[in-house]
Protein backbone atom coordinates (compact mmCIF):
# COMPACT_ATOMS: atom_id res chain seq x y z
CA UNK A 1 -22.94 43.23 123.53
CA UNK A 2 -26.64 43.03 123.77
CA UNK A 3 -28.90 45.82 124.33
CA UNK A 4 -28.29 45.81 128.16
CA UNK A 5 -30.59 47.03 130.80
CA UNK A 6 -28.57 49.97 132.08
CA UNK A 7 -30.73 52.17 134.16
CA UNK A 8 -30.86 56.00 134.43
CA UNK A 9 -33.17 58.17 136.48
CA UNK A 10 -35.62 61.02 136.11
CA UNK A 11 -34.64 64.59 137.00
CA UNK A 12 -37.00 66.89 138.88
CA UNK A 13 -39.71 68.06 136.49
CA UNK A 14 -39.86 71.78 135.63
CA UNK A 15 -42.67 74.04 136.85
CA UNK A 16 -44.32 74.25 133.28
CA UNK A 17 -44.23 70.52 132.77
CA UNK A 18 -47.99 70.19 132.60
CA UNK A 19 -47.74 72.35 129.51
CA UNK A 20 -44.54 71.24 127.81
CA UNK A 21 -45.00 67.64 128.66
CA UNK A 22 -41.23 67.47 128.77
CA UNK A 23 -39.07 65.64 131.37
CA UNK A 24 -35.39 65.28 131.64
CA UNK A 25 -33.64 61.93 132.32
CA UNK A 26 -30.05 60.99 132.99
CA UNK A 27 -29.56 58.07 130.64
CA UNK A 28 -26.08 56.99 131.41
CA UNK A 29 -23.13 57.66 133.67
CA UNK A 30 -19.62 56.24 134.32
CA UNK A 31 -21.11 54.15 137.31
CA UNK A 32 -20.43 50.40 137.05
CA UNK A 33 -23.64 48.68 136.36
CA UNK A 34 -25.08 45.31 137.64
CA UNK A 35 -23.84 43.59 134.57
CA UNK A 36 -20.31 44.51 135.46
CA UNK A 37 -19.77 46.81 132.65
CA UNK A 38 -18.91 50.61 132.39
CA UNK A 39 -20.08 52.76 129.52
CA UNK A 40 -17.62 55.19 128.03
CA UNK A 41 -19.53 58.54 128.22
CA UNK A 42 -16.96 60.06 125.69
CA UNK A 43 -17.71 57.34 123.24
CA UNK A 44 -21.34 57.95 122.61
CA UNK A 45 -22.45 57.93 118.83
CA UNK A 46 -25.67 59.78 118.66
CA UNK A 47 -26.14 60.77 114.90
CA UNK A 48 -28.29 57.52 114.24
CA UNK A 49 -30.54 58.04 117.02
CA UNK A 50 -31.04 61.73 116.39
CA UNK A 51 -32.52 60.70 112.99
CA UNK A 52 -35.26 58.80 114.73
CA UNK A 53 -35.28 60.07 118.47
CA UNK A 54 -38.15 57.89 119.65
CA UNK A 55 -38.61 57.15 123.26
CA UNK A 56 -40.22 53.77 123.97
CA UNK A 57 -41.93 51.96 126.99
CA UNK A 58 -40.21 48.80 128.17
CA UNK A 59 -37.89 48.87 125.04
CA UNK A 60 -41.04 47.73 122.94
CA UNK A 61 -40.31 49.07 119.55
CA UNK A 62 -41.52 46.24 117.35
CA UNK A 63 -43.01 42.83 117.33
CA UNK A 64 -41.81 39.73 115.75
CA UNK A 65 -40.13 38.15 118.71
CA UNK A 66 -42.28 38.05 121.80
CA UNK A 67 -45.32 40.23 121.08
CA UNK A 68 -47.23 41.99 118.41
CA UNK A 69 -46.14 45.42 117.36
CA UNK A 70 -48.06 48.45 118.92
CA UNK A 71 -47.14 52.02 117.90
CA UNK A 72 -48.52 53.22 121.36
CA UNK A 73 -45.41 51.72 122.88
CA UNK A 74 -43.59 54.70 121.39
CA UNK A 75 -44.59 57.09 123.96
CA UNK A 76 -42.64 60.27 122.91
CA UNK A 77 -39.52 61.80 121.38
CA UNK A 78 -36.28 63.17 122.60
CA UNK A 79 -36.35 66.94 122.00
CA UNK A 80 -32.65 67.09 123.11
CA UNK A 81 -29.98 64.79 123.87
CA UNK A 82 -26.35 65.17 124.67
CA UNK A 83 -23.55 65.06 127.21
CA UNK A 84 -23.31 67.07 130.55
CA UNK A 85 -20.45 67.39 133.09
CA UNK A 86 -16.73 66.78 132.85
CA UNK A 87 -14.34 63.99 133.59
CA UNK A 88 -15.92 61.04 135.49
CA UNK A 89 -18.82 63.22 136.22
CA UNK A 90 -19.88 63.32 132.40
CA UNK A 91 -23.27 61.78 131.63
CA UNK A 92 -25.59 61.25 128.79
CA UNK A 93 -28.90 63.29 129.28
CA UNK A 94 -32.11 63.66 127.19
CA UNK A 95 -35.41 65.47 127.45
CA UNK A 96 -38.45 63.49 126.47
CA UNK A 97 -41.74 65.07 125.24
CA UNK A 98 -44.50 62.83 125.65
CA UNK A 99 -47.00 62.32 123.04
CA UNK A 100 -50.43 64.19 123.51
CA UNK A 101 -53.29 62.07 125.37
CA UNK A 102 -55.62 62.24 122.62
CA UNK A 103 -53.38 60.33 120.27
CA UNK A 104 -51.80 57.98 122.83
CA UNK A 105 -53.40 57.32 126.18
CA UNK A 106 -50.61 54.93 127.13
CA UNK A 107 -48.22 57.86 126.74
CA UNK A 108 -50.55 59.88 128.94
CA UNK A 109 -50.57 57.23 131.67
CA UNK A 110 -46.70 56.87 131.71
CA UNK A 111 -46.38 60.71 131.66
CA UNK A 112 -48.80 61.00 134.74
CA UNK A 113 -47.01 57.96 136.63
CA UNK A 114 -43.57 59.63 135.80
CA UNK A 115 -44.98 62.91 137.48
CA UNK A 116 -46.32 60.95 140.32
CA UNK A 117 -42.99 59.21 140.81
CA UNK A 118 -44.08 55.57 140.57
CA UNK A 119 -42.22 55.58 137.36
CA UNK A 120 -38.69 57.12 137.43
CA UNK A 121 -36.19 54.91 135.65
CA UNK A 122 -34.97 54.69 132.13
CA UNK A 123 -32.55 52.38 130.22
CA UNK A 124 -30.45 52.76 127.09
CA UNK A 125 -30.30 50.36 124.13
CA UNK A 126 -27.16 50.53 122.20
CA UNK A 127 -24.74 48.66 119.88
CA UNK A 128 -21.00 48.39 121.06
CA UNK A 129 -18.48 50.48 118.88
CA UNK A 130 -15.10 49.36 118.74
CA UNK A 131 -13.37 46.72 121.24
CA UNK A 132 -13.46 47.32 124.81
CA UNK A 133 -11.31 45.75 127.40
CA UNK A 134 -11.58 44.19 131.00
CA UNK A 135 -10.11 46.00 133.90
CA UNK A 136 -7.06 45.01 135.98
CA UNK A 137 -6.45 43.09 139.09
CA UNK A 138 -9.87 42.27 140.89
CA UNK A 139 -11.46 43.84 137.73
CA UNK A 140 -9.78 41.29 135.38
CA UNK A 141 -11.74 38.81 133.38
CA UNK A 142 -12.86 35.93 135.86
CA UNK A 143 -11.76 37.98 138.97
CA UNK A 144 -13.89 38.74 141.91
CA UNK A 145 -15.15 42.14 140.46
CA UNK A 146 -14.90 41.43 136.78
CA UNK A 147 -15.56 44.66 134.91
CA UNK A 148 -15.76 45.35 131.10
CA UNK A 149 -15.05 48.82 129.86
CA UNK A 150 -16.82 49.71 126.58
CA UNK A 151 -14.62 51.68 124.04
CA UNK A 152 -17.80 53.31 122.73
CA UNK A 153 -21.53 52.81 122.03
CA UNK A 154 -24.05 53.67 119.35
CA UNK A 155 -27.34 54.63 120.81
CA UNK A 156 -30.38 52.81 119.20
CA UNK A 157 -33.23 53.99 121.61
CA UNK A 158 -33.99 54.61 125.23
CA UNK A 159 -36.95 53.55 127.25
CA UNK A 160 -38.83 54.41 130.38
CA UNK A 161 -39.03 51.22 132.38
CA UNK A 162 -40.71 49.68 135.32
CA UNK A 163 -39.09 48.83 138.69
CA UNK A 164 -41.19 45.82 139.80
CA UNK A 165 -41.98 45.88 143.59
CA UNK A 166 -42.53 42.01 143.83
CA UNK A 167 -39.21 40.28 143.55
CA UNK A 168 -40.47 37.15 141.79
CA UNK A 169 -42.52 39.38 139.28
CA UNK A 170 -39.37 41.48 138.68
CA UNK A 171 -37.25 38.38 137.82
CA UNK A 172 -39.95 37.11 135.44
CA UNK A 173 -40.43 40.57 133.76
CA UNK A 174 -36.61 40.97 133.69
CA UNK A 175 -36.19 37.74 131.84
CA UNK A 176 -38.74 38.41 129.33
CA UNK A 177 -37.25 41.87 128.51
CA UNK A 178 -33.73 40.46 128.38
CA UNK A 179 -35.09 38.00 125.76
CA UNK A 180 -36.79 40.76 123.73
CA UNK A 181 -33.70 43.17 124.06
CA UNK A 182 -30.92 40.76 123.12
CA UNK A 183 -33.19 39.25 120.09
CA UNK A 184 -33.60 43.06 119.06
CA UNK A 185 -29.88 43.78 119.06
CA UNK A 186 -28.93 40.50 117.29
CA UNK A 187 -31.50 41.47 114.53
CA UNK A 188 -30.05 44.99 114.21
CA UNK A 189 -26.36 43.87 114.23
CA UNK A 190 -27.12 41.15 111.53
CA UNK A 191 -28.92 43.72 109.47
CA UNK A 192 -25.75 46.04 109.65
CA UNK A 193 -23.33 43.18 109.14
CA UNK A 194 -25.27 41.87 106.19
CA UNK A 195 -25.18 45.30 104.51
CA UNK A 196 -28.92 45.35 103.99
CA UNK A 197 -28.89 42.39 101.78
CA UNK A 198 -31.42 40.86 103.94
CA UNK A 199 -34.41 42.87 104.70
CA UNK A 200 -35.45 43.44 108.30
CA UNK A 201 -38.83 41.97 107.83
CA UNK A 202 -37.14 38.65 106.72
CA UNK A 203 -34.91 38.66 109.91
CA UNK A 204 -37.95 39.36 111.98
CA UNK A 205 -39.46 36.16 110.66
CA UNK A 206 -37.18 34.22 112.83
CA UNK A 207 -39.13 32.28 115.39
CA UNK A 208 -38.85 32.80 119.19
CA UNK A 209 -37.19 29.32 119.58
CA UNK A 210 -34.50 30.26 117.08
CA UNK A 211 -33.78 33.40 119.02
CA UNK A 212 -33.88 31.38 122.10
CA UNK A 213 -31.59 28.83 120.74
CA UNK A 214 -28.95 31.52 119.89
CA UNK A 215 -29.14 32.96 123.48
CA UNK A 216 -28.90 29.73 125.04
CA UNK A 217 -25.82 28.93 122.98
CA UNK A 218 -27.33 26.07 121.00
CA UNK A 219 -26.10 27.48 117.80
CA UNK A 220 -22.83 28.92 118.48
CA UNK A 221 -22.14 29.78 114.88
CA UNK A 222 -25.16 32.16 114.78
CA UNK A 223 -23.95 33.75 118.08
CA UNK A 224 -20.62 34.38 116.45
CA UNK A 225 -22.13 35.79 113.27
CA UNK A 226 -25.03 37.81 114.87
CA UNK A 227 -23.59 39.31 118.11
CA UNK A 228 -20.87 41.73 118.75
CA UNK A 229 -17.65 40.62 120.20
CA UNK A 230 -18.39 41.67 123.82
CA UNK A 231 -21.57 39.53 123.83
CA UNK A 232 -19.58 36.48 122.45
CA UNK A 233 -17.39 36.86 125.41
CA UNK A 234 -20.19 37.13 127.79
CA UNK A 235 -21.85 33.83 126.38
CA UNK A 236 -18.57 32.02 126.62
CA UNK A 237 -18.28 33.15 130.22
CA UNK A 238 -21.85 31.87 130.98
CA UNK A 239 -20.90 28.62 129.17
CA UNK A 240 -17.64 28.32 131.26
CA UNK A 241 -19.72 29.07 134.62
CA UNK A 242 -22.25 26.24 133.57
CA UNK A 243 -19.47 23.73 133.02
CA UNK A 244 -17.78 24.66 136.21
CA UNK A 245 -21.18 24.17 138.06
CA UNK A 246 -21.75 20.76 136.49
CA UNK A 247 -18.26 19.50 137.54
CA UNK A 248 -18.89 20.74 141.09
């Protein structure tokens, strides 16, 4: 499954937020998202993330696909992350401490916008763990409310993201963000599957066109090799819908 845009929300800042520069976010819940998927809150694997608990802006962690690398897009670190609640109310929460203004003006701007309220959303980037399944009846594959239930997820990173006010701009930004995110997960998945035999820097030398070709289904054998099973199912679904549309 690609590093899907699954939104979370900011919690009310504490009274000493100006001093601590720390704000809590709800990263994930059991709520069905706009992609028709449900994340298993009991299935989060956080060990890998805790070794490098960066918080990014717009999922921009590295260059090589659609933009040049810029360390200032890493705007802070998670000082705590874990699960809260019980049953279907369980959720993944984290506290981000923003970098000081003197070392990262962008982090300061994002921090102030979060305090102001013009930025209040976040999203998680993850790799699927195990094999999920589709729901039943109206949630079955191909049904009116098709829903995919993840078995588990390994958190890679989480980001504070924009909520565009202009619909057209939002669609354009979402498309570009989707390209970056899916390419990033394909790279990380390939790196893991290859057991480190190919360096990340070599994988990052792939051109944007190669990434787009994979995402567009023009090189299906690469999709099968690089993407997790759930994403292969999603790509097949997109292909089937295109064929159906062509046949009218």
